[in-house]
Structure formats: C-alpha cells, structure tokens
Protein backbone atom coordinates (compact mmCIF):
# COMPACT_ATOMS: atom_id res chain seq x y z
CA ASN A 1 38.06 84.83 214.70
CA GLY A 2 40.94 86.10 212.60
CA ASP A 3 43.54 85.36 215.29
CA ALA A 4 42.94 81.65 214.73
CA LEU A 5 43.68 81.71 211.04
CA LEU A 6 46.71 80.58 209.13
CA PRO A 7 48.01 82.54 206.16
CA GLY A 8 46.77 81.17 202.85
CA GLY A 9 46.99 81.77 199.15
CA ASP A 10 50.74 81.31 198.78
CA GLY A 11 50.41 78.13 196.75
CA GLY A 12 51.90 75.88 199.44
CA ASP A 13 50.49 72.59 200.70
CA MET A 14 47.89 73.83 203.19
CA VAL A 15 47.29 70.27 204.41
CA ALA A 16 50.94 69.91 205.40
CA LYS A 17 50.83 73.29 207.21
CA TYR A 18 47.58 72.45 208.96
CA PHE A 19 47.96 68.78 209.92
CA GLY A 20 51.72 68.32 209.60
CA ILE A 21 51.15 65.47 207.13
CA GLN A 22 53.61 65.68 204.27
CA SER A 23 52.52 64.39 200.87
CA THR A 24 54.43 61.69 199.04
CA CYS A 25 55.15 61.57 195.33
CA ARG A 26 52.34 59.04 195.05
CA ASP A 27 49.95 61.40 196.86
CA ASP A 28 50.86 64.26 194.53
CA ALA A 29 50.36 62.11 191.45
CA GLN A 30 47.01 60.83 192.71
CA VAL A 31 45.75 64.35 193.47
CA CYS A 32 46.86 65.69 190.08
CA LEU A 33 45.10 62.82 188.31
CA GLN A 34 41.90 63.32 190.30
CA MET A 35 42.03 67.04 189.59
CA ARG A 36 42.29 66.40 185.86
CA LEU A 37 39.44 63.88 185.91
CA ALA A 38 37.13 66.05 188.05
CA PHE A 39 37.91 69.56 186.82
CA GLY A 40 39.38 68.95 183.39
CA SER A 41 42.17 70.86 181.72
CA THR A 42 43.14 74.26 183.12
CA LYS A 43 44.74 75.33 179.86
CA GLY A 44 43.84 78.95 179.07
CA MET A 45 42.42 79.57 182.58
CA ASP A 46 44.13 82.22 184.69
CA ALA A 47 43.73 81.38 188.38
CA ASN A 48 45.02 84.83 189.37
CA ARG A 49 42.63 86.95 187.35
CA VAL A 50 39.90 88.96 189.10
CA ILE A 51 36.24 88.83 188.04
CA PRO A 52 34.67 92.21 188.92
CA LEU A 53 31.67 91.73 191.22
CA VAL A 54 29.06 94.20 192.47
CA ALA A 55 26.53 93.90 195.31
CA ARG A 56 22.86 94.36 194.47
CA PRO A 57 19.73 94.09 196.65
CA SER A 58 18.29 90.58 196.61
CA PRO A 59 14.82 90.31 195.05
CA PHE A 60 14.21 87.31 197.32
CA VAL A 61 15.21 88.31 200.85
CA LYS A 62 14.72 91.83 202.12
CA GLY A 63 17.91 93.35 203.47
CA MET A 64 20.25 90.85 201.83
CA GLN A 65 22.74 91.93 199.18
CA VAL A 66 23.82 89.54 196.42
CA TYR A 67 27.21 89.59 194.70
CA LEU A 68 26.98 89.30 190.92
CA PRO A 69 29.34 89.90 188.01
CA GLU A 70 29.68 93.57 187.16
CA ASP A 71 28.04 93.03 183.76
CA ALA A 72 25.16 90.86 185.07
CA THR A 73 21.59 91.98 184.49
CA ALA A 74 20.25 94.07 187.35
CA PRO A 75 16.90 93.32 189.03
CA ALA A 76 13.86 94.47 187.11
CA PRO A 77 12.13 97.59 188.46
CA ASP A 78 9.11 95.58 189.60
CA GLY A 79 11.33 93.34 191.72
CA GLU A 80 11.10 90.23 189.59
CA ALA A 81 14.06 87.89 189.58
CA THR A 82 16.37 87.73 186.61
CA PRO A 83 18.11 84.56 185.42
CA THR A 84 21.44 85.28 187.13
CA LEU A 85 20.36 86.54 190.53
CA GLY A 86 22.37 84.58 193.01
CA ILE A 87 20.23 82.15 194.88
CA THR A 88 18.32 80.85 191.86
CA LYS A 89 19.01 80.01 188.25
CA LYS A 90 15.50 80.83 187.03
CA GLY A 91 13.14 83.77 187.23
CA SER A 92 9.82 83.83 189.07
CA GLN A 93 6.80 86.10 189.01
CA CYS A 94 5.46 84.81 192.32
CA GLN A 95 5.23 86.83 195.50
CA LEU A 96 7.74 85.61 198.04
CA ALA A 97 6.67 84.07 201.32
CA ASP A 98 8.96 86.45 203.23
CA SER A 99 6.85 89.38 202.05
CA HIS A 100 3.42 87.93 202.90
CA PRO A 101 1.80 90.18 205.55
CA ASP A 102 -0.04 87.38 207.36
CA LEU A 103 2.75 84.88 207.97
CA PRO A 104 3.11 84.21 211.71
CA SER A 105 6.91 84.14 211.49
CA LEU A 106 7.25 87.30 209.40
CA MET A 107 10.58 89.06 209.83
CA ASN A 108 10.35 92.72 208.87
CA TYR A 109 13.65 92.88 207.04
CA PRO A 110 14.58 96.29 205.63
CA ALA A 111 14.38 96.76 201.88
CA GLU A 112 17.57 98.82 201.77
CA ALA A 113 21.10 97.82 202.69
CA LEU A 114 21.79 97.79 206.42
CA ARG A 115 24.56 99.74 208.12
CA GLY A 116 25.63 96.94 210.45
CA LYS A 117 28.87 95.03 210.17
CA PRO A 118 29.17 93.35 206.77
CA VAL A 119 29.46 89.58 206.55
CA ILE A 120 29.93 87.57 203.35
CA ILE A 121 28.00 84.29 203.24
CA GLY A 122 29.13 81.95 200.49
CA THR A 123 27.39 78.93 199.00
CA VAL A 124 27.30 76.64 196.00
CA ARG A 125 24.10 75.46 194.44
CA MET A 126 24.55 71.73 194.98
CA GLY A 127 21.14 70.38 195.88
CA PHE A 128 19.25 72.33 198.54
CA GLY A 129 21.45 71.67 201.57
CA HIS A 130 24.20 74.25 201.15
CA HIS A 131 21.75 77.00 200.21
CA ARG A 132 19.63 76.09 203.23
CA ILE A 133 22.69 76.42 205.48
CA ALA A 134 23.64 79.74 203.86
CA TYR A 135 20.07 81.00 204.24
CA SER A 136 20.15 80.14 207.94
CA ALA A 137 23.21 82.35 208.38
CA VAL A 138 21.55 85.14 206.39
CA THR A 139 18.47 85.11 208.64
CA TRP A 140 20.55 85.37 211.82
CA ALA A 141 22.71 88.14 210.33
CA LEU A 142 19.58 90.13 209.60
CA GLU A 143 18.23 89.42 213.08
CA MET A 144 21.41 90.88 214.60
CA GLY A 145 21.46 93.96 212.39
CA ALA A 146 24.50 92.87 210.39
CA GLN A 147 24.61 93.28 206.61
CA PRO A 148 24.73 89.90 204.84
CA TYR A 149 26.25 89.68 201.36
CA LEU A 150 25.48 86.40 199.62
CA ILE A 151 27.68 84.92 196.94
CA ASP A 152 26.68 81.77 195.08
CA ILE A 153 29.72 80.95 192.95
CA LEU A 154 27.52 79.21 190.37
CA ALA A 155 25.85 82.57 189.70
CA VAL A 156 29.17 84.03 188.50
CA ASP A 157 29.12 83.47 184.75
CA SER A 158 32.59 82.08 184.10
CA PRO A 159 34.46 78.98 182.92
CA GLU A 160 35.18 78.12 186.56
CA ALA A 161 31.47 78.13 187.48
CA VAL A 162 30.69 75.96 184.44
CA ARG A 163 33.21 73.36 185.63
CA VAL A 164 31.71 73.35 189.13
CA ALA A 165 28.21 72.96 187.69
CA GLN A 166 29.36 70.01 185.60
CA MET A 167 30.85 68.34 188.68
CA ASP A 168 27.59 68.86 190.57
CA ALA A 169 25.53 67.47 187.67
CA ALA A 170 27.62 64.29 187.71
CA TYR A 171 27.18 63.96 191.50
CA SER A 172 23.40 64.47 191.28
CA LYS A 173 23.08 61.92 188.48
CA MET A 174 24.97 59.29 190.45
CA SER A 175 22.89 60.06 193.57
CA ARG A 176 19.65 59.49 191.66
CA LEU A 177 20.91 56.29 190.06
CA SER A 178 22.24 54.79 193.29
CA SER A 179 19.07 55.68 195.20
CA ASN A 180 16.65 54.30 192.62
CA ILE A 181 18.64 51.17 191.70
CA GLY A 182 19.85 50.37 195.22
CA GLY A 183 21.71 47.14 195.95
CA ILE A 184 25.32 46.91 194.84
CA VAL A 185 25.17 50.26 193.02
CA ASP A 186 24.12 52.08 196.18
CA GLU A 187 26.77 50.21 198.18
CA ILE A 188 29.55 51.20 195.77
CA TRP A 189 28.40 54.86 195.73
CA THR A 190 28.20 54.89 199.51
CA ARG A 191 31.73 53.55 199.87
CA MET A 192 33.01 56.19 197.46
CA LEU A 193 31.41 58.97 199.51
CA LEU A 194 33.00 57.69 202.72
CA GLN A 195 36.56 57.79 201.36
CA GLY A 196 37.34 61.37 202.35
CA GLY A 197 41.00 60.92 203.27
CA VAL A 198 43.77 63.50 203.42
CA ASN A 199 44.23 63.48 199.65
CA SER A 200 40.58 64.47 199.19
CA LEU A 201 41.38 67.65 201.12
CA ARG A 202 44.49 68.24 199.04
CA LEU A 203 42.31 67.92 195.94
CA SER A 204 39.79 70.43 197.34
CA CYS A 205 42.52 72.94 198.17
CA LEU A 206 44.02 72.53 194.70
CA LEU A 207 40.58 73.09 193.21
CA ALA A 208 40.13 76.19 195.40
CA GLU A 209 43.32 77.69 193.97
CA GLN A 210 41.81 77.33 190.50
CA LEU A 211 38.50 78.89 191.61
CA LYS A 212 40.01 82.02 193.19
CA PRO A 213 38.70 84.37 190.45
CA LEU A 214 35.15 83.73 191.70
CA MET A 215 35.85 85.53 195.00
CA ALA A 216 39.04 87.49 194.39
CA ASP A 217 37.23 90.83 194.03
CA LEU A 218 35.51 90.72 197.45
CA PRO A 219 36.77 92.80 200.42
CA LYS A 220 39.41 90.73 202.20
CA ASP A 221 38.80 92.38 205.58
CA TRP A 222 35.14 91.27 205.69
CA PRO A 223 34.44 87.96 207.47
CA VAL A 224 33.35 85.03 205.31
CA ILE A 225 30.91 82.34 206.48
CA ALA A 226 31.20 79.28 204.24
CA ALA A 227 28.16 77.04 203.72
CA HIS A 228 30.30 74.77 201.55
CA PRO A 229 33.94 73.85 202.23
CA TRP A 230 34.96 75.02 198.75
CA ILE A 231 33.84 78.55 199.69
CA GLY A 232 36.06 78.53 202.76
CA GLN A 233 38.99 77.01 200.87
CA ILE A 234 38.66 79.63 198.11
CA ALA A 235 38.47 82.41 200.72
CA VAL A 236 41.66 81.20 202.44
CA ALA A 237 43.41 80.88 199.08
CA CYS A 238 42.38 84.48 198.28
CA GLY A 239 43.78 85.75 201.57
CA PHE A 240 40.65 86.69 203.53
CA GLU A 241 41.43 87.66 207.11
CA THR A 242 38.53 85.82 208.79
CA VAL A 243 36.99 82.64 207.41
CA ILE A 244 34.39 80.56 209.27
CA ASN A 245 33.51 77.15 207.86
CA LEU A 246 30.14 75.63 208.79
CA VAL A 247 31.18 71.98 208.69
CA ILE A 248 28.52 69.84 207.04
CA ASP A 249 27.13 66.46 208.10
CA ASN A 250 28.15 64.43 211.15
CA TYR A 251 30.71 62.11 209.55
CA PRO A 252 34.33 63.26 209.86
CA GLN A 253 36.12 63.52 206.53
CA TYR A 254 39.09 65.70 205.66
CA PHE A 255 37.59 67.38 202.60
CA VAL A 256 34.80 69.05 204.62
CA LEU A 257 37.42 71.03 206.55
CA VAL A 258 39.02 74.34 205.63
CA PRO A 259 42.70 74.62 206.57
CA GLY A 260 43.34 78.18 207.74
CA ALA A 261 39.75 78.77 208.89
CA LEU A 262 37.75 78.42 212.09
CA ASN A 263 35.77 75.21 211.58
CA LEU A 264 32.45 75.11 213.43
CA VAL A 265 30.69 71.77 213.95
CA GLN A 266 27.16 70.70 214.86
CA SER A 267 27.82 68.04 217.50
CA PRO A 268 30.24 67.40 220.40
CA SER A 269 31.07 63.93 219.05
CA TYR A 270 32.05 65.46 215.70
CA PHE A 271 34.27 67.92 217.60
CA SER A 272 36.07 65.05 219.35
CA LYS A 273 36.51 63.03 216.15
CA LEU A 274 38.04 65.98 214.31
CA LEU A 275 40.45 66.63 217.17
CA ASN A 276 41.50 63.01 216.87
CA MET A 277 42.15 63.55 213.16
CA GLY A 278 44.70 66.21 214.05
CA ILE A 279 42.86 69.51 213.53
CA PRO A 280 44.39 72.26 215.72
CA PRO A 281 42.07 72.92 218.70
CA SER A 282 42.25 76.70 218.09
CA HIS A 283 40.69 76.12 214.66
CA LEU A 284 37.73 74.07 215.90
CA LYS A 285 34.59 74.94 217.86
CA TYR A 286 31.26 73.28 218.65
CA ALA A 287 28.47 75.69 217.72
CA GLY A 288 25.20 73.77 217.37
CA HIS A 289 22.93 73.00 214.44
CA TRP A 290 22.65 75.08 211.26
CA VAL A 291 19.01 76.21 211.54
CA SER A 292 17.35 79.36 210.21
CA ARG A 293 16.20 82.03 212.61
CA ASP A 294 12.42 81.51 212.51
CA ILE A 295 12.56 77.73 212.92
CA ALA A 296 15.12 77.91 215.74
CA LYS A 297 13.51 80.84 217.54
CA PHE A 298 10.05 79.26 217.60
CA ALA A 299 11.14 75.64 218.10
CA ALA A 300 9.74 75.32 221.63
CA ALA A 301 6.49 77.13 220.82
CA ASP A 302 5.91 75.02 217.72
CA CYS A 303 6.54 71.79 219.63
CA SER A 304 4.17 72.88 222.38
CA ALA A 305 1.53 73.39 219.69
CA ARG A 306 2.32 69.94 218.26
CA ILE A 307 1.84 68.43 221.71
CA ALA A 308 -1.53 70.18 221.99
CA ARG A 309 -2.51 68.74 218.59
CA ILE A 310 -1.57 65.24 219.82
CA GLU A 311 -3.60 65.68 223.00
CA LYS A 312 -6.55 66.86 220.91
CA LYS A 313 -6.16 63.71 218.76
CA LEU A 314 -5.90 65.62 215.51
CA CYS A 315 -4.50 64.01 212.39
CA VAL A 316 -0.73 63.69 211.92
CA ARG A 317 0.65 66.01 209.24
CA ILE A 318 3.70 64.41 207.63
CA LEU A 319 5.89 66.61 205.43
CA ILE A 320 7.97 64.77 202.83
CA ALA A 321 10.86 66.90 201.58
CA ILE A 322 12.43 65.78 198.30
CA GLY A 323 16.15 66.56 198.17
CA GLY A 324 17.78 68.90 195.68
CA ALA A 325 19.30 66.04 193.68
CA GLY A 326 15.81 64.68 192.98
CA ALA A 327 16.72 61.18 194.17
CA GLN A 328 14.53 58.67 196.10
CA GLN A 329 11.72 58.58 193.55
CA VAL A 330 11.14 54.82 193.81
CA TYR A 331 11.46 54.80 197.63
CA VAL A 332 9.11 57.75 198.10
CA GLN A 333 6.45 56.32 195.79
CA ARG A 334 6.47 53.00 197.65
CA PHE A 335 6.37 54.83 200.97
CA ILE A 336 3.33 56.90 199.97
CA LEU A 337 1.45 53.86 198.67
CA GLY A 338 2.28 52.08 201.92
CA ILE A 339 0.59 54.74 204.06
CA LYS A 340 -2.52 54.83 201.85
CA PRO A 341 -4.61 53.15 204.60
CA PHE A 342 -3.69 55.97 207.00
CA LEU A 343 -4.63 58.54 204.35
CA LEU A 344 -7.99 56.88 203.73
CA SER A 345 -8.75 56.74 207.46
CA GLY A 346 -7.86 60.42 207.88
CA ARG A 347 -5.22 59.77 210.55
CA VAL A 348 -2.47 61.10 208.29
CA LYS A 349 -2.32 64.06 205.92
CA LEU A 350 0.66 64.35 203.59
CA PHE A 351 2.45 67.55 202.60
CA ILE A 352 5.00 66.92 199.83
CA ASN A 353 7.56 69.48 198.68
CA SER A 354 8.85 68.20 195.35
CA GLY A 355 11.05 71.30 195.08
CA ASP A 356 11.87 72.47 191.58
CA HIS A 357 11.82 68.93 190.19
CA GLY A 358 9.00 69.00 187.66
CA PHE A 359 9.52 65.34 186.76
CA MET A 360 9.04 64.32 190.40
CA ALA A 361 5.74 66.19 190.73
CA LYS A 362 4.50 64.74 187.42
CA ASN A 363 5.39 61.18 188.35
CA LEU A 364 3.86 61.43 191.81
CA THR A 365 0.59 62.96 190.62
CA THR A 366 0.33 60.24 187.97
CA VAL A 367 0.57 57.65 190.75
CA PHE A 368 -2.03 59.50 192.85
CA GLN A 369 -4.46 59.54 189.95
CA LYS A 370 -3.95 55.85 189.26
CA GLU A 371 -4.51 54.99 192.94
CA ASN A 372 -7.51 57.35 193.31
CA ILE A 373 -5.75 59.29 196.04
CA ASP A 374 -7.18 62.76 196.58
CA TYR A 375 -4.56 65.50 196.11
CA VAL A 376 -4.06 69.18 195.30
CA LEU A 377 -0.99 70.48 193.45
CA HIS A 378 0.27 73.95 194.43
CA ARG A 379 2.66 75.67 192.03
CA THR A 380 2.77 79.30 193.12
CA GLN A 381 4.21 81.08 196.11
CA ASP A 382 0.88 82.78 196.78
CA GLU A 383 -0.76 79.37 197.12
CA LEU A 384 1.95 78.30 199.56
CA ASN A 385 1.52 81.51 201.56
CA SER A 386 -2.22 80.94 201.95
CA PHE A 387 -1.64 77.31 202.86
CA ILE A 388 0.80 78.26 205.63
CA VAL A 389 -1.61 80.79 207.13
CA GLN A 390 -4.50 78.30 207.09
CA HIS A 391 -2.46 75.53 208.71
CA GLN A 392 -0.75 77.28 211.62
CA LEU A 393 -0.11 74.75 214.36
CA ASP A 394 -1.56 76.85 217.17
CA LEU A 395 -4.97 76.97 215.46
CA LEU A 396 -5.39 73.40 216.77
CA ALA A 397 -7.61 72.51 213.83
CA ASP A 398 -7.39 71.09 210.33
CA PRO A 399 -9.23 72.69 207.40
CA ALA A 400 -12.22 70.55 206.46
CA THR A 401 -11.39 70.94 202.78
CA ASP A 402 -7.88 69.45 203.09
CA PRO A 403 -7.18 66.67 200.57
CA MET A 404 -5.27 63.54 201.55
CA ILE A 405 -2.14 64.98 199.92
CA SER A 406 -1.00 68.54 199.32
CA ILE A 407 1.94 68.61 196.90
CA PHE A 408 4.08 71.64 196.09
CA ASN A 409 6.28 72.32 193.06
CA PHE A 410 8.08 75.54 192.11
CA ASP A 411 9.95 77.12 189.22
CA THR A 412 12.84 78.59 191.22
CA HIS A 413 15.51 77.09 193.43
CA TYR A 414 14.94 79.62 196.21
CA ALA A 415 11.18 78.99 196.39
CA ALA A 416 11.82 75.24 196.31
CA PHE A 417 14.11 74.99 199.33
CA ARG A 418 12.43 77.85 201.23
CA ALA A 419 9.08 76.04 201.00
CA THR A 420 10.39 73.26 203.23
CA ASP A 421 11.40 75.81 205.89
CA LEU A 422 7.88 77.26 205.82
CA LEU A 423 6.08 73.91 205.76
CA ILE A 424 8.13 72.62 208.71
CA ARG A 425 6.38 75.17 210.90
CA VAL A 426 2.92 73.77 210.05
CA ALA A 427 3.82 70.05 210.04
CA ASP A 428 3.83 67.48 212.86
CA VAL A 429 6.53 65.27 211.36
CA LEU A 430 9.26 65.76 208.76
CA ALA A 431 10.00 62.69 206.60
CA THR A 432 13.35 63.23 204.94
CA LYS A 433 16.62 61.60 204.05
CA PRO A 434 19.07 62.35 206.87
CA SER A 435 20.69 65.35 205.21
CA GLU A 436 21.05 68.82 206.74
CA LEU A 437 17.35 68.61 207.66
CA ALA A 438 18.23 65.90 210.19
CA PHE A 439 19.48 68.73 212.42
CA PHE A 440 16.20 70.72 212.39
CA PRO A 441 13.95 70.98 215.49
CA ILE A 442 10.91 69.00 214.34
CA PRO A 443 10.03 65.32 214.97
CA LYS A 444 11.66 63.44 212.11
CA LEU A 445 11.12 60.19 210.28
CA HIS A 446 14.47 59.51 208.63
CA LEU A 447 14.08 57.86 205.25
CA ARG A 448 16.90 56.02 203.46
CA HIS A 449 20.07 57.98 202.81
CA VAL A 450 21.20 59.05 199.35
CA GLY A 451 24.89 59.24 200.32
CA GLY A 452 26.28 56.95 203.01
CA HIS A 453 27.68 59.89 204.99
CA GLU A 454 24.10 61.02 205.71
CA SER A 455 23.43 58.02 207.95
CA PHE A 456 25.56 59.56 210.70
CA SER A 457 23.33 62.63 210.80
CA ALA A 458 20.37 60.37 211.60
CA GLU A 459 22.39 58.93 214.47
CA ARG A 460 22.88 62.42 215.91
CA SER A 461 19.15 63.11 215.69
CA CYS A 462 18.26 59.78 217.25
CA GLU A 463 20.65 60.42 220.16
CA LEU A 464 19.00 63.80 220.77
CA GLY A 465 15.57 62.17 220.75
CA ASP A 466 14.14 64.36 217.98
CA GLY A 467 14.16 61.76 215.19
CA THR A 468 13.97 58.08 214.34
CA THR A 469 16.77 55.79 213.28
CA GLU A 470 17.41 55.72 209.54
CA CYS A 471 14.74 53.66 207.79
CA THR A 472 16.77 51.88 205.14
CA THR A 473 13.68 50.02 203.92
CA VAL A 474 10.15 51.21 203.20
CA GLU A 475 8.83 48.54 205.55
CA LEU A 476 10.78 49.99 208.47
CA ALA A 477 9.54 53.49 207.64
CA LEU A 478 5.93 52.25 207.63
CA GLN A 479 6.42 50.68 211.07
CA HIS A 480 7.41 54.09 212.39
CA VAL A 481 4.41 55.73 210.69
CA GLN A 482 2.15 53.27 212.49
CA LEU A 483 3.66 54.34 215.83
CA MET A 484 3.29 58.01 214.95
CA ALA A 485 -0.27 57.74 213.64
CA VAL A 486 -1.82 56.25 216.77
CA GLU A 487 -3.87 58.63 218.87
CA SER A 488 -1.85 60.28 221.65
CA SER A 489 1.33 58.86 220.06
CA PRO A 490 3.95 58.29 222.81
CA MET A 491 6.70 58.51 220.16
CA LEU A 492 5.68 61.97 218.96
CA LEU A 493 5.04 63.23 222.48
CA GLN A 494 8.55 62.17 223.49
CA MET A 495 10.19 63.70 220.40
CA ASN A 496 8.50 67.06 220.97
CA LYS A 497 9.50 67.08 224.64
CA CYS A 498 13.09 66.31 223.66
CA ILE A 499 13.14 69.22 221.21
CA ILE A 500 11.92 71.58 223.90
CA GLU A 501 14.73 70.40 226.20
CA ASN A 502 17.28 70.63 223.39
CA ASP A 503 16.14 74.16 222.65
CA ARG A 504 16.81 75.16 226.27
CA ALA A 505 20.36 73.88 225.75
CA HIS A 506 20.70 76.04 222.58
CA ILE A 507 21.44 72.99 220.44
CA TYR A 508 19.67 74.53 217.43
CA ASP A 509 21.52 77.88 217.63
CA GLY A 510 24.58 76.96 215.55
CA SER A 511 23.96 79.47 212.76
CA LYS A 512 23.40 82.18 215.35
CA VAL A 513 26.74 81.33 216.96
CA ALA A 514 28.42 81.44 213.53
CA VAL A 515 27.18 84.97 212.85
CA GLU A 516 28.05 86.14 216.36
CA THR A 517 31.57 84.80 215.84
CA ALA A 518 31.86 86.48 212.44
CA ILE A 519 30.80 89.93 213.61
CA GLY A 520 32.72 89.74 216.89
CA VAL A 521 29.82 89.31 219.32
CA ALA A 522 30.59 85.78 220.57
C-alpha cells in the first residue's frame, strides 16, 4: 500500500535511493547513450507538460472506463469502437464475446460507471502479454465492485507515444527474425534480453521521466496497478501515492522492477531472488499468477471437465496461441505438419488463434490447402461466440461437423488477445511459447521461447505440474503430443489434478490479490 512507497518524481537517481547502488561516471554515460539510441532526441519535448485526459466508457468491456486525450473521438452512439479507444488501435463492428448472452462464463458487468473505489490500471500495447495482464486486473476489479480505469499509453496521441511505438516495433521485428532464423541469431537476441542489469533500470527510470506527460493528468490519490514496469515507473515519477507493479516473467532482472512501488511477483522463488538482488522487503510481495477472473474462478471446474473428457476417451483439443509479436511462424508450421497423423486419425483437433496477424492466418491456410488438411477460418466475434458455446468442456462431446483445424483471426487487438482467454476454457491443452500464458491454469505444451527470459516461466509451470518443459525443438514438442494424444493420457490426467491442487492453494489468484491490495481489502 502507500505506506511502502518512496517519494518519486524529484529527478534524483531512484536506483540509488532504492538499492543503495551509486552510479559511476561510466554508468551515467552508458545510460545516456542508450537513452539516445532507444528514445532519440528529446529536443523540443517538455517532460513536465500535462496532456489533458478524460475517462470514457469502454466499448469493449462493460463497466470499464478508458482514459483518452481530451480531444480524442468519443465512442459512436451504436457502441462501435473508434480508432483511438484504448485497448485497440483499430475499429471493429463485431459483437464482443463479453456481451454474448449464452457464454457460460458471462460476467454481467454494468454498462455505466461503478461507484466503487477507483483503480487505475495501466498498460502498453507491446504484444498481447501486457494487455492480458491488465485485462486480468480489470476483471477482478469489476468482480469486487471497484471502478477500473484503463490507460494504454500508446492510445495517447503524442510524440512520446510515437517513440514508445517505434521502440516496440523494433523489438517485435527482432523477435520475429530471431525466432524464424534461429541458431546464432536467436542466441545473440536471447543473451541481449537476459542482460537486465542495474543500468537497464536506470535507463527505464530515465525514460519514465520523459514519458510523464502521458499520465500526469490522472488523479494522484488513486491507486495505480501497472501491467508494464514503464507504467509503474511513470506513475512514481509523476508522484502517485500508491503504485503496484505486477512484475512480469519469472527471470529476475532490474528493469522489470519499479523503485518506489510495491512489486508483486508470481512465484516464491522469484520473491527470494529479488530479495537477494537488494529490493527492500517492504516493497516486495508474493501474490500468485496474473490470471483473469473467469479462468481463475473456474479453473478447478474446467479441469474436472477435462478429466471427464479424458476418461470418456474423447479427442484432445490443442489450442495454439500465436504471440502478439507474430513470431514462431516457421516453428508453428513445422509443428502442425508434424501432428498431421494425429489430425487424420481424429485423436487431435487443433484450435489456432492467429490473433490480429493477417499474414500468419494467410500463410497457415495456404499450408493447410497444400497439405489437404481440413480447416475452417473464423474472422468475426460472433463466430467465436458460437464456437465457444458449442464446445463447452462439460458437454463431454465434440461436434460431428468439427474440421481438423479451427483457425481464428481478428481485426482488433482486443478481440485477438481476448479470444485466447475464451478458447482456453474449451481446450484440453494450450500450446504456447512460455510467455505470460505459462502461468494460466490449463495443461500446457510449452513451445520454443521467443525471448530467452521466457524459458524460466516454463520452469515455473513444470515445477507446479501444470505444463511441460520448454520444447526447444519441434521434435521434442511432437514427443509430448504423442504422450498427450494417447487414450486416458497419464500426462494430461496428472496435469489437471495438479491444477486442481494449485487452485486450492490460490496460486492462480495473483491478479485478485493485486486488486485487493490496491483498494485496501488485502
């Protein structure tokens, strides 16, 4: 809570205040050079100006308010999204899954603003992961009757947001290249991503000072939950009284921390490692995994249904989730072709969420056509809604008309990442790179990482018994598929039982704990 926070925003070296590690002249020079290379020139940019923001009802999630620039276009009367509305960069005319009357996990969120305690939830559109974490906090805030206000700093039309978007574009490009080329390129990229020393945190805090205009207009006495460390660092620099940082991944690096905030982590081992790095104990807490309300709340029930499906010897539904950077194209194509025999035999059905990557859907369907693999491509939210209803786990049946592969592709960022959350609840297995999804309560087949830091998230999952080791090669992934596809699979039975036990220990309640801490319930 606020008692644990250090004063920020005075332009001092927050790293020195927080860890007691003084910078040298060489450190300062290195950070200044990295800042110039990453962010560019700050000439003509006023870090102390205030961009006026207003809160408007989200057209995507009932009950959520979205902070936008004062002069941004308001939502259309019919509820359609406009190009600047927070959690997406494109518009959509599709009905949202959250509003479908037949969804088993429907949450009747109010259409108007709530009167509960306000909480600001901040994110940055960098892939799907940070938005997924932010969304998990939003769902728990709504469950508790709080009033969530979302801010995506990339939705604030400004020179600062443009610079952040350019940095993200460079990161995504390198992720795709390293993943598809592999070898020495992937090794170099991995080593770069594991070099998060103290100076990387100094760089982040310096960047946060420059990005203050993006959040300077928000109420400083409202708690902030940060789904990206930059959000927390900006909030501290702006002088917010209570800042809670949802620390990402499971690999300890300085730049994922927020000096002056309460840093919540997803695993006890991560907690211990950060203590060893010198973080003050009063600024650190183990919370659990960042999981949205419906997936966490129904984890045990869904796994019980999965066990019943195994005992009934039904096919294994494998959901492949393509990450927000659009990497892994070569790996995923080889993986799908490798499980073709299981598709032909009917033991495996594939659900593929290609997100908002049109090129990925096009390339995959071209391969399916060439290989004579039966598939159906779903592009609208209404089609996804119907699919979810028809494939509920507790029906203990598979539609006779199901193709070998059901692939999904969307025109908005929100629909793209939200589809994975919905499809998880009708799938038996999630096949994914070990990103933030490695912490979700569903049996997981961990594909090859995109960034080396992700490997440590797979280790956490493997230790909990709810996922495999990281499959760095397609051949290793196919070995695991063979173990999962056998009738009465001991591997899948064990994973589901572990999730049920983990759920009893509240391991998947991290986002709930974060909101409780923010609104003063914990």
